[in-house]
Amino acid sequence: MAKKEEEDKTPYITKHKKLYQSATKLLDTISHAHTEAYVTAVNKHLLDENGQVIYDKLLDNTIQQQFTKTMSDFYLGKAQKHFKIEKNLDDLSKDLLMQAYAGVTSSTLKDLVTRYNKRLTHQQFEQVKGQIQQRISQQLYGAAGSHLETSNIPDIVKHVGLEAKVNSDKLDIEEARQLLQVFHEEGSITDNTLRQILPSYKIGSKKKEERK
């Protein structure tokens, strides 16, 4: 079947692929913004006269406040650019905008800096960032597949090339979305990945079951 014909018959899969690609691009951009926000604050507040990082400075309450504000301002700038918002905002609107874009608020950043203080190394921040990114990815990829319905499952299974391995009647829509997401990312679904997504009793084609 020609690509155009396939897209015409399964426009919901084509739509999912485009939304998935957009979500991935945004997620990667946000990940970069997290790192930039942290590095900007480190460079501004934690370097000594020789350019060396002194994390002990984060034991000082004033430095903590300045560090938090620098990160908040950076996130806000990125969020305003992304959402194309230039007008002055009150503190609540700023937090809502930062939360919508990067999954953080000035309050969560303050708590982060206060909790870890001198232990907020690059490695520690990357761990925290990973947790934030995980929540954002669930939201973004969930939104990318929100238009898919249970009736689309057989076509999804066929599209990802698993008709001989999966009984589409046993899949729920969330599992089908995961399969489609992996397929968009990797171009195929290995047996190992399939076992990670589906329980064993859902693996096995309908034709094989009918022959039993």
C-alpha atoms as a PDB file:
ATOM      1  CA  MET A   1       0.000   0.000   0.000  1.00  0.00           C
ATOM      2  CA  ALA A   2       1.353   3.432  -0.920  1.00  0.00           C
ATOM      3  CA  LYS A   3       2.191   5.736   1.971  1.00  0.00           C
ATOM      4  CA  LYS A   4      -0.453   8.294   0.962  1.00  0.00           C
ATOM      5  CA  GLU A   5      -3.151   5.617   0.759  1.00  0.00           C
ATOM      6  CA  GLU A   6      -2.204   4.306   4.181  1.00  0.00           C
ATOM      7  CA  GLU A   7      -2.354   7.805   5.693  1.00  0.00           C
ATOM      8  CA  ASP A   8      -5.790   8.353   4.152  1.00  0.00           C
ATOM      9  CA  LYS A   9      -7.108   5.133   5.710  1.00  0.00           C
ATOM     10  CA  THR A  10      -5.557   5.730   9.142  1.00  0.00           C
ATOM     11  CA  PRO A  11      -5.418   9.519   9.595  1.00  0.00           C
ATOM     12  CA  TYR A  12      -5.454   9.085  13.391  1.00  0.00           C
ATOM     13  CA  ILE A  13      -2.106   7.258  13.209  1.00  0.00           C
ATOM     14  CA  THR A  14      -0.641   9.950  10.974  1.00  0.00           C
ATOM     15  CA  LYS A  15      -1.921  12.582  13.411  1.00  0.00           C
ATOM     16  CA  HIS A  16      -0.392  10.730  16.350  1.00  0.00           C
ATOM     17  CA  LYS A  17       2.990  10.570  14.640  1.00  0.00           C
ATOM     18  CA  LYS A  18       3.006  14.321  14.027  1.00  0.00           C
ATOM     19  CA  LEU A  19       1.892  15.093  17.576  1.00  0.00           C
ATOM     20  CA  TYR A  20       4.425  12.631  18.988  1.00  0.00           C
ATOM     21  CA  GLN A  21       7.237  14.275  17.025  1.00  0.00           C
ATOM     22  CA  SER A  22       6.139  17.714  18.223  1.00  0.00           C
ATOM     23  CA  ALA A  23       5.963  16.474  21.821  1.00  0.00           C
ATOM     24  CA  THR A  24       9.440  14.950  21.575  1.00  0.00           C
ATOM     25  CA  LYS A  25      10.897  18.161  20.188  1.00  0.00           C
ATOM     26  CA  LEU A  26       9.291  20.193  22.978  1.00  0.00           C
ATOM     27  CA  LEU A  27      10.429  17.724  25.627  1.00  0.00           C
ATOM     28  CA  ASP A  28      14.020  17.908  24.391  1.00  0.00           C
ATOM     29  CA  THR A  29      13.825  21.705  24.365  1.00  0.00           C
ATOM     30  CA  ILE A  30      12.513  21.796  27.932  1.00  0.00           C
ATOM     31  CA  SER A  31      15.257  19.408  29.055  1.00  0.00           C
ATOM     32  CA  HIS A  32      17.836  21.787  27.615  1.00  0.00           C
ATOM     33  CA  ALA A  33      16.115  24.727  29.338  1.00  0.00           C
ATOM     34  CA  HIS A  34      16.389  22.975  32.720  1.00  0.00           C
ATOM     35  CA  THR A  35      20.123  22.559  32.280  1.00  0.00           C
ATOM     36  CA  GLU A  36      20.542  26.126  31.032  1.00  0.00           C
ATOM     37  CA  ALA A  37      18.602  27.524  34.008  1.00  0.00           C
ATOM     38  CA  TYR A  38      20.806  25.653  36.464  1.00  0.00           C
ATOM     39  CA  VAL A  39      24.098  26.507  34.724  1.00  0.00           C
ATOM     40  CA  THR A  40      23.085  30.182  34.449  1.00  0.00           C
ATOM     41  CA  ALA A  41      22.475  30.324  38.198  1.00  0.00           C
ATOM     42  CA  VAL A  42      25.710  28.482  38.994  1.00  0.00           C
ATOM     43  CA  ASN A  43      27.755  30.808  36.789  1.00  0.00           C
ATOM     44  CA  LYS A  44      26.177  33.889  38.316  1.00  0.00           C
ATOM     45  CA  HIS A  45      26.246  32.953  41.996  1.00  0.00           C
ATOM     46  CA  LEU A  46      28.606  30.058  42.757  1.00  0.00           C
ATOM     47  CA  LEU A  47      31.882  30.862  40.992  1.00  0.00           C
ATOM     48  CA  ASP A  48      34.900  32.265  42.832  1.00  0.00           C
ATOM     49  CA  GLU A  49      37.411  34.729  41.394  1.00  0.00           C
ATOM     50  CA  ASN A  50      39.196  31.839  39.649  1.00  0.00           C
ATOM     51  CA  GLY A  51      36.045  30.561  37.975  1.00  0.00           C
ATOM     52  CA  GLN A  52      35.775  27.516  40.252  1.00  0.00           C
ATOM     53  CA  VAL A  53      32.380  26.330  41.493  1.00  0.00           C
ATOM     54  CA  ILE A  54      31.892  26.695  45.257  1.00  0.00           C
ATOM     55  CA  TYR A  55      28.732  24.827  46.236  1.00  0.00           C
ATOM     56  CA  ASP A  56      29.193  25.830  49.892  1.00  0.00           C
ATOM     57  CA  LYS A  57      27.907  29.264  48.880  1.00  0.00           C
ATOM     58  CA  LEU A  58      24.442  27.703  48.785  1.00  0.00           C
ATOM     59  CA  LEU A  59      24.559  27.416  52.560  1.00  0.00           C
ATOM     60  CA  ASP A  60      23.972  31.172  52.639  1.00  0.00           C
ATOM     61  CA  ASN A  61      20.295  32.115  52.680  1.00  0.00           C
ATOM     62  CA  THR A  62      20.838  35.229  50.560  1.00  0.00           C
ATOM     63  CA  ILE A  63      22.664  33.227  47.879  1.00  0.00           C
ATOM     64  CA  GLN A  64      19.856  30.661  47.938  1.00  0.00           C
ATOM     65  CA  GLN A  65      17.300  33.395  47.244  1.00  0.00           C
ATOM     66  CA  GLN A  66      19.402  34.879  44.437  1.00  0.00           C
ATOM     67  CA  PHE A  67      20.055  31.441  42.934  1.00  0.00           C
ATOM     68  CA  THR A  68      16.338  30.643  42.983  1.00  0.00           C
ATOM     69  CA  LYS A  69      15.401  33.988  41.410  1.00  0.00           C
ATOM     70  CA  THR A  70      17.922  33.565  38.600  1.00  0.00           C
ATOM     71  CA  MET A  71      16.533  30.134  37.759  1.00  0.00           C
ATOM     72  CA  SER A  72      12.943  31.381  37.990  1.00  0.00           C
ATOM     73  CA  ASP A  73      13.655  34.344  35.727  1.00  0.00           C
ATOM     74  CA  PHE A  74      15.296  32.063  33.180  1.00  0.00           C
ATOM     75  CA  TYR A  75      12.347  29.642  33.110  1.00  0.00           C
ATOM     76  CA  LEU A  76       9.889  32.523  32.878  1.00  0.00           C
ATOM     77  CA  GLY A  77      11.718  33.991  29.895  1.00  0.00           C
ATOM     78  CA  LYS A  78      11.643  30.651  28.083  1.00  0.00           C
ATOM     79  CA  ALA A  79       7.957  30.154  28.929  1.00  0.00           C
ATOM     80  CA  GLN A  80       6.977  33.632  27.737  1.00  0.00           C
ATOM     81  CA  LYS A  81       8.820  33.091  24.471  1.00  0.00           C
ATOM     82  CA  HIS A  82       7.218  29.671  23.955  1.00  0.00           C
ATOM     83  CA  PHE A  83       3.685  30.862  24.670  1.00  0.00           C
ATOM     84  CA  LYS A  84       4.305  34.252  22.996  1.00  0.00           C
ATOM     85  CA  ILE A  85       3.358  36.226  26.100  1.00  0.00           C
ATOM     86  CA  GLU A  86       5.106  39.579  26.497  1.00  0.00           C
ATOM     87  CA  LYS A  87       2.924  41.548  28.923  1.00  0.00           C
ATOM     88  CA  ASN A  88       3.765  42.040  32.586  1.00  0.00           C
ATOM     89  CA  LEU A  89       2.501  39.237  34.812  1.00  0.00           C
ATOM     90  CA  ASP A  90       1.715  38.945  38.488  1.00  0.00           C
ATOM     91  CA  ASP A  91       3.477  36.309  40.562  1.00  0.00           C
ATOM     92  CA  LEU A  92       0.664  33.774  40.284  1.00  0.00           C
ATOM     93  CA  SER A  93       0.530  34.090  36.498  1.00  0.00           C
ATOM     94  CA  LYS A  94       4.298  33.703  36.333  1.00  0.00           C
ATOM     95  CA  ASP A  95       4.148  30.485  38.325  1.00  0.00           C
ATOM     96  CA  LEU A  96       1.305  29.112  36.228  1.00  0.00           C
ATOM     97  CA  LEU A  97       3.247  29.874  33.071  1.00  0.00           C
ATOM     98  CA  MET A  98       6.432  28.236  34.369  1.00  0.00           C
ATOM     99  CA  GLN A  99       4.466  25.204  35.521  1.00  0.00           C
ATOM    100  CA  ALA A 100       2.778  24.854  32.144  1.00  0.00           C
ATOM    101  CA  TYR A 101       6.089  25.048  30.289  1.00  0.00           C
ATOM    102  CA  ALA A 102       8.712  23.410  32.507  1.00  0.00           C
ATOM    103  CA  GLY A 103       6.856  21.708  35.340  1.00  0.00           C
ATOM    104  CA  VAL A 104       8.321  24.003  38.006  1.00  0.00           C
ATOM    105  CA  THR A 105       7.286  27.074  39.994  1.00  0.00           C
ATOM    106  CA  SER A 106       9.251  29.597  42.020  1.00  0.00           C
ATOM    107  CA  SER A 107       8.073  27.748  45.126  1.00  0.00           C
ATOM    108  CA  THR A 108       9.300  24.332  43.969  1.00  0.00           C
ATOM    109  CA  LEU A 109      12.638  25.868  42.973  1.00  0.00           C
ATOM    110  CA  LYS A 110      12.954  27.511  46.384  1.00  0.00           C
ATOM    111  CA  ASP A 111      12.205  24.198  48.100  1.00  0.00           C
ATOM    112  CA  LEU A 112      14.752  22.456  45.873  1.00  0.00           C
ATOM    113  CA  VAL A 113      17.545  24.904  46.655  1.00  0.00           C
ATOM    114  CA  THR A 114      16.699  24.978  50.364  1.00  0.00           C
ATOM    115  CA  ARG A 115      16.552  21.195  50.669  1.00  0.00           C
ATOM    116  CA  TYR A 116      19.802  20.422  48.887  1.00  0.00           C
ATOM    117  CA  ASN A 117      21.749  23.691  49.367  1.00  0.00           C
ATOM    118  CA  LYS A 118      25.456  22.802  48.917  1.00  0.00           C
ATOM    119  CA  ARG A 119      24.488  19.309  47.715  1.00  0.00           C
ATOM    120  CA  LEU A 120      22.743  20.754  44.656  1.00  0.00           C
ATOM    121  CA  THR A 121      25.558  19.690  42.359  1.00  0.00           C
ATOM    122  CA  HIS A 122      25.134  19.272  38.621  1.00  0.00           C
ATOM    123  CA  GLN A 123      24.741  15.518  39.110  1.00  0.00           C
ATOM    124  CA  GLN A 124      22.069  16.009  41.784  1.00  0.00           C
ATOM    125  CA  PHE A 125      20.194  18.531  39.669  1.00  0.00           C
ATOM    126  CA  GLU A 126      20.207  16.130  36.707  1.00  0.00           C
ATOM    127  CA  GLN A 127      18.500  13.524  38.901  1.00  0.00           C
ATOM    128  CA  VAL A 128      15.831  16.012  39.919  1.00  0.00           C
ATOM    129  CA  LYS A 129      15.471  17.121  36.310  1.00  0.00           C
ATOM    130  CA  GLY A 130      14.898  13.517  35.287  1.00  0.00           C
ATOM    131  CA  GLN A 131      11.948  13.273  37.675  1.00  0.00           C
ATOM    132  CA  ILE A 132      10.465  16.503  36.360  1.00  0.00           C
ATOM    133  CA  GLN A 133      10.970  15.420  32.757  1.00  0.00           C
ATOM    134  CA  GLN A 134       9.272  12.107  33.442  1.00  0.00           C
ATOM    135  CA  ARG A 135       6.116  13.885  34.594  1.00  0.00           C
ATOM    136  CA  ILE A 136       6.192  16.243  31.625  1.00  0.00           C
ATOM    137  CA  SER A 137       6.726  13.422  29.144  1.00  0.00           C
ATOM    138  CA  GLN A 138       3.710  11.546  30.501  1.00  0.00           C
ATOM    139  CA  GLN A 139       1.590  14.660  30.019  1.00  0.00           C
ATOM    140  CA  LEU A 140       2.882  15.486  26.551  1.00  0.00           C
ATOM    141  CA  TYR A 141       2.799  11.961  25.150  1.00  0.00           C
ATOM    142  CA  GLY A 142      -0.560  11.383  26.786  1.00  0.00           C
ATOM    143  CA  ALA A 143      -1.916  14.448  25.009  1.00  0.00           C
ATOM    144  CA  ALA A 144      -0.397  13.281  21.709  1.00  0.00           C
ATOM    145  CA  GLY A 145      -2.408  10.059  21.893  1.00  0.00           C
ATOM    146  CA  SER A 146      -5.605  11.394  23.443  1.00  0.00           C
ATOM    147  CA  HIS A 147      -7.467  11.276  20.116  1.00  0.00           C
ATOM    148  CA  LEU A 148      -6.881   7.523  19.657  1.00  0.00           C
ATOM    149  CA  GLU A 149      -9.829   5.254  20.450  1.00  0.00           C
ATOM    150  CA  THR A 150     -10.368   1.583  21.183  1.00  0.00           C
ATOM    151  CA  SER A 151     -11.706   1.050  17.665  1.00  0.00           C
ATOM    152  CA  ASN A 152      -8.297   2.092  16.323  1.00  0.00           C
ATOM    153  CA  ILE A 153      -6.400  -0.719  18.095  1.00  0.00           C
ATOM    154  CA  PRO A 154      -6.494  -3.299  15.251  1.00  0.00           C
ATOM    155  CA  ASP A 155      -5.092  -0.746  12.793  1.00  0.00           C
ATOM    156  CA  ILE A 156      -2.417   0.273  15.280  1.00  0.00           C
ATOM    157  CA  VAL A 157      -1.326  -3.342  15.776  1.00  0.00           C
ATOM    158  CA  LYS A 158      -1.174  -3.787  12.016  1.00  0.00           C
ATOM    159  CA  HIS A 159       0.719  -0.523  11.541  1.00  0.00           C
ATOM    160  CA  VAL A 160       3.452  -1.489  14.007  1.00  0.00           C
ATOM    161  CA  GLY A 161       3.782  -4.936  12.409  1.00  0.00           C
ATOM    162  CA  LEU A 162       2.602  -7.064  15.316  1.00  0.00           C
ATOM    163  CA  GLU A 163      -0.403  -8.850  13.818  1.00  0.00           C
ATOM    164  CA  ALA A 164       1.437 -12.181  14.079  1.00  0.00           C
ATOM    165  CA  LYS A 165       2.437 -11.588  17.705  1.00  0.00           C
ATOM    166  CA  VAL A 166      -0.408  -9.717  19.379  1.00  0.00           C
ATOM    167  CA  ASN A 167      -4.138 -10.320  19.680  1.00  0.00           C
ATOM    168  CA  SER A 168      -5.582  -6.836  19.274  1.00  0.00           C
ATOM    169  CA  ASP A 169      -8.801  -7.900  21.046  1.00  0.00           C
ATOM    170  CA  LYS A 170      -6.873  -8.165  24.321  1.00  0.00           C
ATOM    171  CA  LEU A 171      -5.166  -4.773  24.185  1.00  0.00           C
ATOM    172  CA  ASP A 172      -6.447  -1.646  25.892  1.00  0.00           C
ATOM    173  CA  ILE A 173      -5.981   1.742  24.272  1.00  0.00           C
ATOM    174  CA  GLU A 174      -3.131   2.799  26.566  1.00  0.00           C
ATOM    175  CA  GLU A 175      -1.110  -0.272  25.604  1.00  0.00           C
ATOM    176  CA  ALA A 176      -1.780   0.427  21.939  1.00  0.00           C
ATOM    177  CA  ARG A 177      -0.597   4.003  22.406  1.00  0.00           C
ATOM    178  CA  GLN A 178       2.619   2.785  24.003  1.00  0.00           C
ATOM    179  CA  LEU A 179       3.257   0.411  21.109  1.00  0.00           C
ATOM    180  CA  LEU A 180       2.683   3.198  18.612  1.00  0.00           C
ATOM    181  CA  GLN A 181       4.945   5.540  20.552  1.00  0.00           C
ATOM    182  CA  VAL A 182       7.804   3.026  20.578  1.00  0.00           C
ATOM    183  CA  PHE A 183       7.290   2.358  16.889  1.00  0.00           C
ATOM    184  CA  HIS A 184       7.518   6.067  16.086  1.00  0.00           C
ATOM    185  CA  GLU A 185      10.707   6.292  18.143  1.00  0.00           C
ATOM    186  CA  GLU A 186      12.500   3.110  17.095  1.00  0.00           C
ATOM    187  CA  GLY A 187      10.942   2.182  13.757  1.00  0.00           C
ATOM    188  CA  SER A 188      10.154  -1.338  15.028  1.00  0.00           C
ATOM    189  CA  ILE A 189       9.264  -3.179  18.226  1.00  0.00           C
ATOM    190  CA  THR A 190      11.555  -5.925  19.456  1.00  0.00           C
ATOM    191  CA  ASP A 191      10.304  -8.973  21.335  1.00  0.00           C
ATOM    192  CA  ASN A 192      12.042  -7.720  24.466  1.00  0.00           C
ATOM    193  CA  THR A 193      10.314  -4.346  24.266  1.00  0.00           C
ATOM    194  CA  LEU A 194       6.998  -6.045  23.561  1.00  0.00           C
ATOM    195  CA  ARG A 195       7.337  -8.075  26.758  1.00  0.00           C
ATOM    196  CA  GLN A 196       8.033  -4.897  28.701  1.00  0.00           C
ATOM    197  CA  ILE A 197       4.851  -3.245  27.455  1.00  0.00           C
ATOM    198  CA  LEU A 198       2.412  -6.169  27.448  1.00  0.00           C
ATOM    199  CA  PRO A 199       1.772  -8.951  29.955  1.00  0.00           C
ATOM    200  CA  SER A 200       2.516 -12.424  28.589  1.00  0.00           C
ATOM    201  CA  TYR A 201      -1.143 -13.428  28.252  1.00  0.00           C
ATOM    202  CA  LYS A 202      -1.686 -10.615  25.720  1.00  0.00           C
ATOM    203  CA  ILE A 203       1.130 -11.779  23.461  1.00  0.00           C
ATOM    204  CA  GLY A 204       0.043 -14.263  20.812  1.00  0.00           C
ATOM    205  CA  SER A 205      -1.941 -13.750  17.635  1.00  0.00           C
ATOM    206  CA  LYS A 206      -5.675 -14.269  17.289  1.00  0.00           C
ATOM    207  CA  LYS A 207      -5.083 -16.770  14.443  1.00  0.00           C
ATOM    208  CA  LYS A 208      -2.950 -18.988  16.667  1.00  0.00           C
ATOM    209  CA  GLU A 209      -5.625 -18.982  19.380  1.00  0.00           C
ATOM    210  CA  GLU A 210      -8.320 -19.842  16.851  1.00  0.00           C
ATOM    211  CA  ARG A 211      -6.329 -22.893  15.722  1.00  0.00           C
ATOM    212  CA  LYS A 212      -6.118 -24.274  19.231  1.00  0.00           C
END
